[in-house]
Amino acid sequence: MRLHQRLVSICGGIRKEVATHLDEQAIDAACREEKYTWRERLFNPTNTVHLFILQILNRNTALNDLPRKSHESFTGSAFCKARRRLPLRVFQRLLRSLAETLSPHPGGERIDKEGRWCGHR
């Protein structure tokens, strides 16, 4: 039981770290660097990325369950379309940036050009 509590604590810390480093400025900067343009709506890049992370951190919850988890009003299909509109390169850029920031080694020296730590995905 103690191990479970420790894992819950660690996961909570990871969630806070990810949220801290994937703020609106970082996400918007990644989109601009990839020349992606958008309109300020519910599914702007920041909200889309944050909802995607929320989905993953909640055990890859169903798309139609996300509105309840996020306390927002939208359909699963609308979120799916928004996620599809974001270029993969934006996600890759965010992953690389996050991996370098959270790496215990200065300059993210163990992070390869694909954003993988020691070759792992």
Foldseek 3Di string as FASTA:
>chain_A
DVVVVVVVVVLVVVVVLLPVLLDPVLLVVLCVVVVHDDDPDCLDRSNLVVLVVVCVSVVNDQLQCSCVVVVHDDGSVVSVVSNVSDDPSSVQVSLLVSCQVPDPDDRNVQADPSNDGVPHD
